């Protein structure tokens, strides 16, 4: 899976970019059949949290096969926001698979 990280106005260190790549390895393993054509675009930006503090907003766009998925998360810690968005993407991937969680819940 190819991963592109962008952080306009937010200077990420190489260690942070490497940590984001490691956090997305779980998705890479799940999409073994699409290894060559899977891409993840990760955007990190500043956001104002509901409590008035600063937060990191992470948006991950995942393309594989004919699928285009988007997940967003906000957290003061960029790593935690990435992991929250990753879990949302994994849920969406599972829902799209034949016999995924949603299909069973709907009695199909």
PDB file of N, CA and C in Angstrom:
ATOM      1  N   UNK A   1       0.848  -1.170   0.000  1.00  0.00           N
ATOM      2  CA  UNK A   1       0.000   0.000   0.000  1.00  0.00           C
ATOM      3  C   UNK A   1       0.897   1.236   0.000  1.00  0.00           C
ATOM      4  N   UNK A   2       0.542   2.186  -0.842  1.00  0.00           N
ATOM      5  CA  UNK A   2       1.263   3.457  -0.865  1.00  0.00           C
ATOM      6  C   UNK A   2       0.595   4.416   0.109  1.00  0.00           C
ATOM      7  N   UNK A   3       1.411   5.106   0.879  1.00  0.00           N
ATOM      8  CA  UNK A   3       0.892   6.049   1.861  1.00  0.00           C
ATOM      9  C   UNK A   3       1.496   7.416   1.578  1.00  0.00           C
ATOM     10  N   UNK A   4       0.624   8.426   1.466  1.00  0.00           N
ATOM     11  CA  UNK A   4       1.077   9.805   1.299  1.00  0.00           C
ATOM     12  C   UNK A   4       0.585  10.586   2.508  1.00  0.00           C
ATOM     13  N   UNK A   5       1.499  11.295   3.139  1.00  0.00           N
ATOM     14  CA  UNK A   5       1.152  12.092   4.313  1.00  0.00           C
ATOM     15  C   UNK A   5       1.369  13.559   3.989  1.00  0.00           C
ATOM     16  N   UNK A   6       0.355  14.375   4.255  1.00  0.00           N
ATOM     17  CA  UNK A   6       0.505  15.814   4.084  1.00  0.00           C
ATOM     18  C   UNK A   6       0.001  16.503   5.342  1.00  0.00           C
ATOM     19  N   UNK A   7       0.672  17.577   5.677  1.00  0.00           N
ATOM     20  CA  UNK A   7       0.313  18.337   6.877  1.00  0.00           C
ATOM     21  C   UNK A   7       0.537  19.818   6.603  1.00  0.00           C
ATOM     22  N   UNK A   8      -0.356  20.437   5.835  1.00  0.00           N
ATOM     23  CA  UNK A   8      -0.170  21.858   5.522  1.00  0.00           C
ATOM     24  C   UNK A   8      -0.164  22.713   6.787  1.00  0.00           C
ATOM     25  N   UNK A   9       0.869  23.515   6.930  1.00  0.00           N
ATOM     26  CA  UNK A   9       0.995  24.389   8.088  1.00  0.00           C
ATOM     27  C   UNK A   9       1.342  23.668   9.381  1.00  0.00           C
ATOM     28  N   UNK A  10       1.613  22.396   9.281  1.00  0.00           N
ATOM     29  CA  UNK A  10       1.909  21.581  10.456  1.00  0.00           C
ATOM     30  C   UNK A  10       3.187  20.804  10.142  1.00  0.00           C
ATOM     31  N   UNK A  11       4.237  21.090  10.833  1.00  0.00           N
ATOM     32  CA  UNK A  11       5.515  20.458  10.527  1.00  0.00           C
ATOM     33  C   UNK A  11       5.629  19.127  11.253  1.00  0.00           C
ATOM     34  N   UNK A  12       5.494  18.041  10.491  1.00  0.00           N
ATOM     35  CA  UNK A  12       5.636  16.713  11.067  1.00  0.00           C
ATOM     36  C   UNK A  12       7.084  16.261  10.957  1.00  0.00           C
ATOM     37  N   UNK A  13       7.556  15.634  12.000  1.00  0.00           N
ATOM     38  CA  UNK A  13       8.908  15.071  11.979  1.00  0.00           C
ATOM     39  C   UNK A  13       8.869  13.724  11.277  1.00  0.00           C
ATOM     40  N   UNK A  14      10.026  13.288  10.809  1.00  0.00           N
ATOM     41  CA  UNK A  14      10.100  12.002  10.110  1.00  0.00           C
ATOM     42  C   UNK A  14       9.625  10.863  11.017  1.00  0.00           C
ATOM     43  N   UNK A  15       9.895  10.951  12.321  1.00  0.00           N
ATOM     44  CA  UNK A  15       9.451   9.902  13.255  1.00  0.00           C
ATOM     45  C   UNK A  15       7.925   9.833  13.292  1.00  0.00           C
ATOM     46  N   UNK A  16       7.268  10.980  13.215  1.00  0.00           N
ATOM     47  CA  UNK A  16       5.803  11.007  13.228  1.00  0.00           C
ATOM     48  C   UNK A  16       5.236  10.395  11.954  1.00  0.00           C
ATOM     49  N   UNK A  17       5.875  10.679  10.835  1.00  0.00           N
ATOM     50  CA  UNK A  17       5.436  10.098   9.566  1.00  0.00           C
ATOM     51  C   UNK A  17       5.635   8.590   9.584  1.00  0.00           C
ATOM     52  N   UNK A  18       6.761   8.139  10.128  1.00  0.00           N
ATOM     53  CA  UNK A  18       7.008   6.699  10.243  1.00  0.00           C
ATOM     54  C   UNK A  18       5.988   6.033  11.153  1.00  0.00           C
ATOM     55  N   UNK A  19       5.604   6.710  12.238  1.00  0.00           N
ATOM     56  CA  UNK A  19       4.609   6.169  13.166  1.00  0.00           C
ATOM     57  C   UNK A  19       3.249   6.046  12.477  1.00  0.00           C
ATOM     58  N   UNK A  20       2.902   7.020  11.644  1.00  0.00           N
ATOM     59  CA  UNK A  20       1.644   6.956  10.890  1.00  0.00           C
ATOM     60  C   UNK A  20       1.665   5.747   9.961  1.00  0.00           C
ATOM     61  N   UNK A  21       2.782   5.528   9.279  1.00  0.00           N
ATOM     62  CA  UNK A  21       2.903   4.371   8.387  1.00  0.00           C
ATOM     63  C   UNK A  21       2.748   3.070   9.161  1.00  0.00           C
ATOM     64  N   UNK A  22       3.359   2.996  10.334  1.00  0.00           N
ATOM     65  CA  UNK A  22       3.231   1.782  11.160  1.00  0.00           C
ATOM     66  C   UNK A  22       1.790   1.569  11.611  1.00  0.00           C
ATOM     67  N   UNK A  23       1.114   2.662  11.967  1.00  0.00           N
ATOM     68  CA  UNK A  23      -0.277   2.549  12.401  1.00  0.00           C
ATOM     69  C   UNK A  23      -1.187   2.048  11.282  1.00  0.00           C
ATOM     70  N   UNK A  24      -0.829   2.318  10.030  1.00  0.00           N
ATOM     71  CA  UNK A  24      -1.666   1.909   8.903  1.00  0.00           C
ATOM     72  C   UNK A  24      -1.311   0.522   8.371  1.00  0.00           C
ATOM     73  N   UNK A  25      -0.307  -0.125   8.960  1.00  0.00           N
ATOM     74  CA  UNK A  25       0.061  -1.477   8.515  1.00  0.00           C
ATOM     75  C   UNK A  25      -1.076  -2.472   8.693  1.00  0.00           C
ATOM     76  N   UNK A  26      -1.921  -2.256   9.692  1.00  0.00           N
ATOM     77  CA  UNK A  26      -3.058  -3.140   9.938  1.00  0.00           C
ATOM     78  C   UNK A  26      -4.001  -3.141   8.733  1.00  0.00           C
ATOM     79  N   UNK A  27      -4.196  -1.968   8.130  1.00  0.00           N
ATOM     80  CA  UNK A  27      -5.029  -1.878   6.923  1.00  0.00           C
ATOM     81  C   UNK A  27      -4.328  -2.572   5.770  1.00  0.00           C
ATOM     82  N   UNK A  28      -3.024  -2.374   5.660  1.00  0.00           N
ATOM     83  CA  UNK A  28      -2.240  -2.991   4.589  1.00  0.00           C
ATOM     84  C   UNK A  28      -2.380  -4.513   4.640  1.00  0.00           C
ATOM     85  N   UNK A  29      -2.317  -5.077   5.828  1.00  0.00           N
ATOM     86  CA  UNK A  29      -2.466  -6.534   5.968  1.00  0.00           C
ATOM     87  C   UNK A  29      -3.875  -6.975   5.574  1.00  0.00           C
ATOM     88  N   UNK A  30      -4.867  -6.176   5.912  1.00  0.00           N
ATOM     89  CA  UNK A  30      -6.252  -6.530   5.594  1.00  0.00           C
ATOM     90  C   UNK A  30      -6.505  -6.512   4.088  1.00  0.00           C
ATOM     91  N   UNK A  31      -5.776  -5.651   3.376  1.00  0.00           N
ATOM     92  CA  UNK A  31      -5.987  -5.499   1.933  1.00  0.00           C
ATOM     93  C   UNK A  31      -4.914  -6.216   1.122  1.00  0.00           C
ATOM     94  N   UNK A  32      -4.511  -7.391   1.527  1.00  0.00           N
ATOM     95  CA  UNK A  32      -3.453  -8.138   0.836  1.00  0.00           C
ATOM     96  C   UNK A  32      -3.747  -8.317  -0.649  1.00  0.00           C
ATOM     97  N   UNK A  33      -5.009  -8.531  -0.995  1.00  0.00           N
ATOM     98  CA  UNK A  33      -5.366  -8.762  -2.393  1.00  0.00           C
ATOM     99  C   UNK A  33      -5.208  -7.519  -3.264  1.00  0.00           C
ATOM    100  N   UNK A  34      -5.110  -6.357  -2.635  1.00  0.00           N
ATOM    101  CA  UNK A  34      -5.029  -5.087  -3.369  1.00  0.00           C
ATOM    102  C   UNK A  34      -3.688  -4.388  -3.156  1.00  0.00           C
ATOM    103  N   UNK A  35      -2.686  -5.108  -2.702  1.00  0.00           N
ATOM    104  CA  UNK A  35      -1.416  -4.494  -2.294  1.00  0.00           C
ATOM    105  C   UNK A  35      -0.885  -3.455  -3.279  1.00  0.00           C
ATOM    106  N   UNK A  36      -0.879  -3.780  -4.550  1.00  0.00           N
ATOM    107  CA  UNK A  36      -0.278  -2.880  -5.540  1.00  0.00           C
ATOM    108  C   UNK A  36      -1.142  -1.666  -5.846  1.00  0.00           C
ATOM    109  N   UNK A  37      -2.447  -1.797  -5.694  1.00  0.00           N
ATOM    110  CA  UNK A  37      -3.311  -0.697  -6.095  1.00  0.00           C
ATOM    111  C   UNK A  37      -3.929   0.057  -4.926  1.00  0.00           C
ATOM    112  N   UNK A  38      -3.588  -0.268  -3.702  1.00  0.00           N
ATOM    113  CA  UNK A  38      -4.139   0.431  -2.543  1.00  0.00           C
ATOM    114  C   UNK A  38      -3.304   1.670  -2.227  1.00  0.00           C
ATOM    115  N   UNK A  39      -3.994   2.794  -2.012  1.00  0.00           N
ATOM    116  CA  UNK A  39      -3.315   4.025  -1.624  1.00  0.00           C
ATOM    117  C   UNK A  39      -4.065   4.673  -0.466  1.00  0.00           C
ATOM    118  N   UNK A  40      -3.306   5.253   0.427  1.00  0.00           N
ATOM    119  CA  UNK A  40      -3.889   5.971   1.562  1.00  0.00           C
ATOM    120  C   UNK A  40      -3.315   7.380   1.578  1.00  0.00           C
ATOM    121  N   UNK A  41      -4.202   8.360   1.518  1.00  0.00           N
ATOM    122  CA  UNK A  41      -3.806   9.766   1.631  1.00  0.00           C
ATOM    123  C   UNK A  41      -4.175  10.230   3.030  1.00  0.00           C
ATOM    124  N   UNK A  42      -3.162  10.634   3.784  1.00  0.00           N
ATOM    125  CA  UNK A  42      -3.368  11.071   5.167  1.00  0.00           C
ATOM    126  C   UNK A  42      -3.115  12.572   5.235  1.00  0.00           C
ATOM    127  N   UNK A  43      -4.116  13.315   5.724  1.00  0.00           N
ATOM    128  CA  UNK A  43      -3.966  14.759   5.905  1.00  0.00           C
ATOM    129  C   UNK A  43      -4.099  15.080   7.378  1.00  0.00           C
ATOM    130  N   UNK A  44      -3.126  15.818   7.884  1.00  0.00           N
ATOM    131  CA  UNK A  44      -3.132  16.233   9.289  1.00  0.00           C
ATOM    132  C   UNK A  44      -3.253  17.750   9.315  1.00  0.00           C
ATOM    133  N   UNK A  45      -4.221  18.245  10.079  1.00  0.00           N
ATOM    134  CA  UNK A  45      -4.397  19.694  10.191  1.00  0.00           C
ATOM    135  C   UNK A  45      -4.774  20.038  11.620  1.00  0.00           C
ATOM    136  N   UNK A  46      -4.654  21.321  11.938  1.00  0.00           N
ATOM    137  CA  UNK A  46      -5.038  21.802  13.261  1.00  0.00           C
ATOM    138  C   UNK A  46      -6.546  22.000  13.299  1.00  0.00           C
ATOM    139  N   UNK A  47      -7.111  21.751  14.466  1.00  0.00           N
ATOM    140  CA  UNK A  47      -8.542  21.982  14.665  1.00  0.00           C
ATOM    141  C   UNK A  47      -8.739  22.548  16.058  1.00  0.00           C
ATOM    142  N   UNK A  48      -9.838  23.218  16.248  1.00  0.00           N
ATOM    143  CA  UNK A  48     -10.206  23.726  17.561  1.00  0.00           C
ATOM    144  C   UNK A  48     -11.106  22.681  18.201  1.00  0.00           C
ATOM    145  N   UNK A  49     -10.712  22.174  19.372  1.00  0.00           N
ATOM    146  CA  UNK A  49     -11.530  21.159  20.035  1.00  0.00           C
ATOM    147  C   UNK A  49     -12.754  21.799  20.660  1.00  0.00           C
ATOM    148  N   UNK A  50     -13.721  20.978  21.016  1.00  0.00           N
ATOM    149  CA  UNK A  50     -14.965  21.476  21.602  1.00  0.00           C
ATOM    150  C   UNK A  50     -14.722  22.190  22.925  1.00  0.00           C
ATOM    151  N   UNK A  51     -13.679  21.818  23.613  1.00  0.00           N
ATOM    152  CA  UNK A  51     -13.364  22.424  24.908  1.00  0.00           C
ATOM    153  C   UNK A  51     -12.467  23.650  24.770  1.00  0.00           C
ATOM    154  N   UNK A  52     -12.222  24.071  23.562  1.00  0.00           N
ATOM    155  CA  UNK A  52     -11.431  25.270  23.342  1.00  0.00           C
ATOM    156  C   UNK A  52      -9.943  25.015  23.195  1.00  0.00           C
ATOM    157  N   UNK A  53      -9.505  23.791  23.387  1.00  0.00           N
ATOM    158  CA  UNK A  53      -8.090  23.457  23.241  1.00  0.00           C
ATOM    159  C   UNK A  53      -7.747  23.177  21.791  1.00  0.00           C
ATOM    160  N   UNK A  54      -6.484  22.893  21.562  1.00  0.00           N
ATOM    161  CA  UNK A  54      -6.047  22.570  20.201  1.00  0.00           C
ATOM    162  C   UNK A  54      -6.105  21.060  20.005  1.00  0.00           C
ATOM    163  N   UNK A  55      -6.503  20.672  18.816  1.00  0.00           N
ATOM    164  CA  UNK A  55      -6.589  19.261  18.465  1.00  0.00           C
ATOM    165  C   UNK A  55      -5.979  19.066  17.085  1.00  0.00           C
ATOM    166  N   UNK A  56      -5.664  17.827  16.787  1.00  0.00           N
ATOM    167  CA  UNK A  56      -5.176  17.451  15.469  1.00  0.00           C
ATOM    168  C   UNK A  56      -6.327  16.769  14.741  1.00  0.00           C
ATOM    169  N   UNK A  57      -6.628  17.231  13.547  1.00  0.00           N
ATOM    170  CA  UNK A  57      -7.659  16.599  12.722  1.00  0.00           C
ATOM    171  C   UNK A  57      -6.954  15.737  11.685  1.00  0.00           C
ATOM    172  N   UNK A  58      -7.315  14.482  11.641  1.00  0.00           N
ATOM    173  CA  UNK A  58      -6.722  13.543  10.684  1.00  0.00           C
ATOM    174  C   UNK A  58      -7.818  13.051   9.748  1.00  0.00           C
ATOM    175  N   UNK A  59      -7.555  13.151   8.461  1.00  0.00           N
ATOM    176  CA  UNK A  59      -8.456  12.624   7.440  1.00  0.00           C
ATOM    177  C   UNK A  59      -7.658  11.613   6.625  1.00  0.00           C
ATOM    178  N   UNK A  60      -8.204  10.410   6.503  1.00  0.00           N
ATOM    179  CA  UNK A  60      -7.553   9.371   5.698  1.00  0.00           C
ATOM    180  C   UNK A  60      -8.502   8.989   4.578  1.00  0.00           C
ATOM    181  N   UNK A  61      -8.013   9.109   3.357  1.00  0.00           N
ATOM    182  CA  UNK A  61      -8.755   8.650   2.181  1.00  0.00           C
ATOM    183  C   UNK A  61      -8.065   7.404   1.674  1.00  0.00           C
ATOM    184  N   UNK A  62      -8.820   6.330   1.579  1.00  0.00           N
ATOM    185  CA  UNK A  62      -8.277   5.031   1.184  1.00  0.00           C
ATOM    186  C   UNK A  62      -8.924   4.596  -0.114  1.00  0.00           C
ATOM    187  N   UNK A  63      -8.094   4.294  -1.104  1.00  0.00           N
ATOM    188  CA  UNK A  63      -8.560   3.781  -2.391  1.00  0.00           C
ATOM    189  C   UNK A  63      -7.987   2.394  -2.601  1.00  0.00           C
ATOM    190  N   UNK A  64      -8.865   1.440  -2.898  1.00  0.00           N
ATOM    191  CA  UNK A  64      -8.419   0.098  -3.265  1.00  0.00           C
ATOM    192  C   UNK A  64      -9.486  -0.522  -4.152  1.00  0.00           C
ATOM    193  N   UNK A  65      -9.035  -1.147  -5.237  1.00  0.00           N
ATOM    194  CA  UNK A  65     -10.004  -1.684  -6.184  1.00  0.00           C
ATOM    195  C   UNK A  65     -10.929  -0.577  -6.649  1.00  0.00           C
ATOM    196  N   UNK A  66     -12.229  -0.819  -6.542  1.00  0.00           N
ATOM    197  CA  UNK A  66     -13.226   0.200  -6.912  1.00  0.00           C
ATOM    198  C   UNK A  66     -13.746   0.934  -5.687  1.00  0.00           C
ATOM    199  N   UNK A  67     -13.108   0.763  -4.581  1.00  0.00           N
ATOM    200  CA  UNK A  67     -13.578   1.341  -3.323  1.00  0.00           C
ATOM    201  C   UNK A  67     -12.829   2.625  -2.976  1.00  0.00           C
ATOM    202  N   UNK A  68     -13.575   3.588  -2.468  1.00  0.00           N
ATOM    203  CA  UNK A  68     -13.012   4.844  -1.984  1.00  0.00           C
ATOM    204  C   UNK A  68     -13.642   5.099  -0.614  1.00  0.00           C
ATOM    205  N   UNK A  69     -12.838   5.036   0.426  1.00  0.00           N
ATOM    206  CA  UNK A  69     -13.325   5.213   1.781  1.00  0.00           C
ATOM    207  C   UNK A  69     -12.680   6.436   2.422  1.00  0.00           C
ATOM    208  N   UNK A  70     -13.412   7.076   3.315  1.00  0.00           N
ATOM    209  CA  UNK A  70     -12.903   8.250   4.026  1.00  0.00           C
ATOM    210  C   UNK A  70     -13.215   8.093   5.506  1.00  0.00           C
ATOM    211  N   UNK A  71     -12.228   8.413   6.335  1.00  0.00           N
ATOM    212  CA  UNK A  71     -12.432   8.425   7.785  1.00  0.00           C
ATOM    213  C   UNK A  71     -11.762   9.663   8.348  1.00  0.00           C
ATOM    214  N   UNK A  72     -12.423  10.261   9.348  1.00  0.00           N
ATOM    215  CA  UNK A  72     -11.892  11.463   9.995  1.00  0.00           C
ATOM    216  C   UNK A  72     -11.897  11.254  11.497  1.00  0.00           C
ATOM    217  N   UNK A  73     -10.921  11.858  12.157  1.00  0.00           N
ATOM    218  CA  UNK A  73     -10.861  11.801  13.619  1.00  0.00           C
ATOM    219  C   UNK A  73     -10.136  13.033  14.127  1.00  0.00           C
ATOM    220  N   UNK A  74     -10.476  13.423  15.348  1.00  0.00           N
ATOM    221  CA  UNK A  74      -9.812  14.547  16.011  1.00  0.00           C
ATOM    222  C   UNK A  74      -9.361  14.105  17.385  1.00  0.00           C
ATOM    223  N   UNK A  75      -8.145  14.500  17.730  1.00  0.00           N
ATOM    224  CA  UNK A  75      -7.602  14.191  19.043  1.00  0.00           C
ATOM    225  C   UNK A  75      -6.424  15.129  19.270  1.00  0.00           C
ATOM    226  N   UNK A  76      -6.112  15.390  20.533  1.00  0.00           N
ATOM    227  CA  UNK A  76      -4.957  16.233  20.842  1.00  0.00           C
ATOM    228  C   UNK A  76      -3.664  15.561  20.388  1.00  0.00           C
ATOM    229  N   UNK A  77      -3.653  14.230  20.386  1.00  0.00           N
ATOM    230  CA  UNK A  77      -2.492  13.448  19.972  1.00  0.00           C
ATOM    231  C   UNK A  77      -2.704  12.959  18.541  1.00  0.00           C
ATOM    232  N   UNK A  78      -1.801  13.324  17.648  1.00  0.00           N
ATOM    233  CA  UNK A  78      -1.953  12.960  16.242  1.00  0.00           C
ATOM    234  C   UNK A  78      -1.955  11.437  16.065  1.00  0.00           C
ATOM    235  N   UNK A  79      -1.149  10.715  16.829  1.00  0.00           N
ATOM    236  CA  UNK A  79      -1.119   9.254  16.733  1.00  0.00           C
ATOM    237  C   UNK A  79      -2.449   8.634  17.096  1.00  0.00           C
ATOM    238  N   UNK A  80      -3.070   9.151  18.133  1.00  0.00           N
ATOM    239  CA  UNK A  80      -4.371   8.631  18.555  1.00  0.00           C
ATOM    240  C   UNK A  80      -5.437   8.932  17.504  1.00  0.00           C
ATOM    241  N   UNK A  81      -5.379  10.108  16.906  1.00  0.00           N
ATOM    242  CA  UNK A  81      -6.326  10.454  15.846  1.00  0.00           C
ATOM    243  C   UNK A  81      -6.157   9.530  14.645  1.00  0.00           C
ATOM    244  N   UNK A  82      -4.915   9.203  14.294  1.00  0.00           N
ATOM    245  CA  UNK A  82      -4.664   8.284  13.179  1.00  0.00           C
ATOM    246  C   UNK A  82      -5.254   6.912  13.496  1.00  0.00           C
ATOM    247  N   UNK A  83      -5.053   6.425  14.714  1.00  0.00           N
ATOM    248  CA  UNK A  83      -5.566   5.103  15.083  1.00  0.00           C
ATOM    249  C   UNK A  83      -7.092   5.078  15.107  1.00  0.00           C
ATOM    250  N   UNK A  84      -7.724   6.165  15.537  1.00  0.00           N
ATOM    251  CA  UNK A  84      -9.187   6.238  15.523  1.00  0.00           C
ATOM    252  C   UNK A  84      -9.711   6.192  14.085  1.00  0.00           C
ATOM    253  N   UNK A  85      -9.076   6.938  13.195  1.00  0.00           N
ATOM    254  CA  UNK A  85      -9.485   6.935  11.789  1.00  0.00           C
ATOM    255  C   UNK A  85      -9.225   5.564  11.169  1.00  0.00           C
ATOM    256  N   UNK A  86      -8.104   4.940  11.531  1.00  0.00           N
ATOM    257  CA  UNK A  86      -7.787   3.599  11.017  1.00  0.00           C
ATOM    258  C   UNK A  86      -8.883   2.609  11.415  1.00  0.00           C
ATOM    259  N   UNK A  87      -9.319   2.650  12.664  1.00  0.00           N
ATOM    260  CA  UNK A  87     -10.352   1.715  13.123  1.00  0.00           C
ATOM    261  C   UNK A  87     -11.660   1.941  12.373  1.00  0.00           C
ATOM    262  N   UNK A  88     -11.978   3.188  12.066  1.00  0.00           N
ATOM    263  CA  UNK A  88     -13.176   3.482  11.279  1.00  0.00           C
ATOM    264  C   UNK A  88     -13.041   2.907   9.873  1.00  0.00           C
ATOM    265  N   UNK A  89     -11.857   3.021   9.267  1.00  0.00           N
ATOM    266  CA  UNK A  89     -11.648   2.452   7.938  1.00  0.00           C
ATOM    267  C   UNK A  89     -11.762   0.930   7.972  1.00  0.00           C
ATOM    268  N   UNK A  90     -11.208   0.305   8.986  1.00  0.00           N
ATOM    269  CA  UNK A  90     -11.313  -1.157   9.098  1.00  0.00           C
ATOM    270  C   UNK A  90     -12.772  -1.581   9.231  1.00  0.00           C
ATOM    271  N   UNK A  91     -13.560  -0.812   9.971  1.00  0.00           N
ATOM    272  CA  UNK A  91     -14.983  -1.116  10.090  1.00  0.00           C
ATOM    273  C   UNK A  91     -15.667  -1.011   8.723  1.00  0.00           C
ATOM    274  N   UNK A  92     -15.322   0.042   7.972  1.00  0.00           N
ATOM    275  CA  UNK A  92     -15.915   0.211   6.644  1.00  0.00           C
ATOM    276  C   UNK A  92     -15.502  -0.917   5.705  1.00  0.00           C
ATOM    277  N   UNK A  93     -14.242  -1.339   5.777  1.00  0.00           N
ATOM    278  CA  UNK A  93     -13.766  -2.452   4.942  1.00  0.00           C
ATOM    279  C   UNK A  93     -14.543  -3.714   5.288  1.00  0.00           C
ATOM    280  N   UNK A  94     -14.714  -3.991   6.573  1.00  0.00           N
ATOM    281  CA  UNK A  94     -15.458  -5.179   7.001  1.00  0.00           C
ATOM    282  C   UNK A  94     -16.900  -5.120   6.515  1.00  0.00           C
ATOM    283  N   UNK A  95     -17.509  -3.947   6.563  1.00  0.00           N
ATOM    284  CA  UNK A  95     -18.893  -3.807   6.122  1.00  0.00           C
ATOM    285  C   UNK A  95     -19.036  -4.063   4.627  1.00  0.00           C
ATOM    286  N   UNK A  96     -18.011  -3.776   3.854  1.00  0.00           N
ATOM    287  CA  UNK A  96     -18.076  -3.966   2.403  1.00  0.00           C
ATOM    288  C   UNK A  96     -17.827  -5.410   1.995  1.00  0.00           C
ATOM    289  N   UNK A  97     -17.166  -6.170   2.843  1.00  0.00           N
ATOM    290  CA  UNK A  97     -16.898  -7.567   2.502  1.00  0.00           C
ATOM    291  C   UNK A  97     -18.187  -8.366   2.533  1.00  0.00           C
ATOM    292  N   UNK A  98     -18.257  -9.330   1.666  1.00  0.00           N
ATOM    293  CA  UNK A  98     -19.415 -10.214   1.640  1.00  0.00           C
ATOM    294  C   UNK A  98     -19.481 -10.949   2.971  1.00  0.00           C
ATOM    295  N   UNK A  99     -20.620 -10.888   3.608  1.00  0.00           N
ATOM    296  CA  UNK A  99     -20.759 -11.548   4.900  1.00  0.00           C
ATOM    297  C   UNK A  99     -20.152 -10.753   6.033  1.00  0.00           C
ATOM    298  N   UNK A 100     -19.874  -9.467   5.787  1.00  0.00           N
ATOM    299  CA  UNK A 100     -19.316  -8.609   6.829  1.00  0.00           C
ATOM    300  C   UNK A 100     -20.300  -8.391   7.961  1.00  0.00           C
ATOM    301  N   UNK A 101     -19.878  -7.689   8.972  1.00  0.00           N
ATOM    302  CA  UNK A 101     -20.673  -7.495  10.178  1.00  0.00           C
ATOM    303  C   UNK A 101     -22.068  -6.931   9.885  1.00  0.00           C
ATOM    304  N   UNK A 102     -22.160  -5.913   9.056  1.00  0.00           N
ATOM    305  CA  UNK A 102     -23.452  -5.283   8.778  1.00  0.00           C
ATOM    306  C   UNK A 102     -24.406  -6.230   8.062  1.00  0.00           C
ATOM    307  N   UNK A 103     -23.868  -7.039   7.158  1.00  0.00           N
ATOM    308  CA  UNK A 103     -24.715  -7.985   6.442  1.00  0.00           C
ATOM    309  C   UNK A 103     -25.332  -8.999   7.402  1.00  0.00           C
ATOM    310  N   UNK A 104     -24.555  -9.466   8.367  1.00  0.00           N
ATOM    311  CA  UNK A 104     -25.088 -10.415   9.360  1.00  0.00           C
ATOM    312  C   UNK A 104     -26.100  -9.724  10.257  1.00  0.00           C
ATOM    313  N   UNK A 105     -25.830  -8.491  10.641  1.00  0.00           N
ATOM    314  CA  UNK A 105     -26.741  -7.770  11.522  1.00  0.00           C
ATOM    315  C   UNK A 105     -28.090  -7.531  10.841  1.00  0.00           C
ATOM    316  N   UNK A 106     -28.069  -7.422   9.521  1.00  0.00           N
ATOM    317  CA  UNK A 106     -29.305  -7.194   8.768  1.00  0.00           C
ATOM    318  C   UNK A 106     -29.991  -8.499   8.380  1.00  0.00           C
ATOM    319  N   UNK A 107     -29.403  -9.631   8.752  1.00  0.00           N
ATOM    320  CA  UNK A 107     -30.014 -10.916   8.473  1.00  0.00           C
ATOM    321  C   UNK A 107     -29.874 -11.391   7.046  1.00  0.00           C
ATOM    322  N   UNK A 108     -28.842 -10.934   6.355  1.00  0.00           N
ATOM    323  CA  UNK A 108     -28.638 -11.352   4.950  1.00  0.00           C
ATOM    324  C   UNK A 108     -27.789 -12.576   4.883  1.00  0.00           C
TER     325      UNK A 108
END
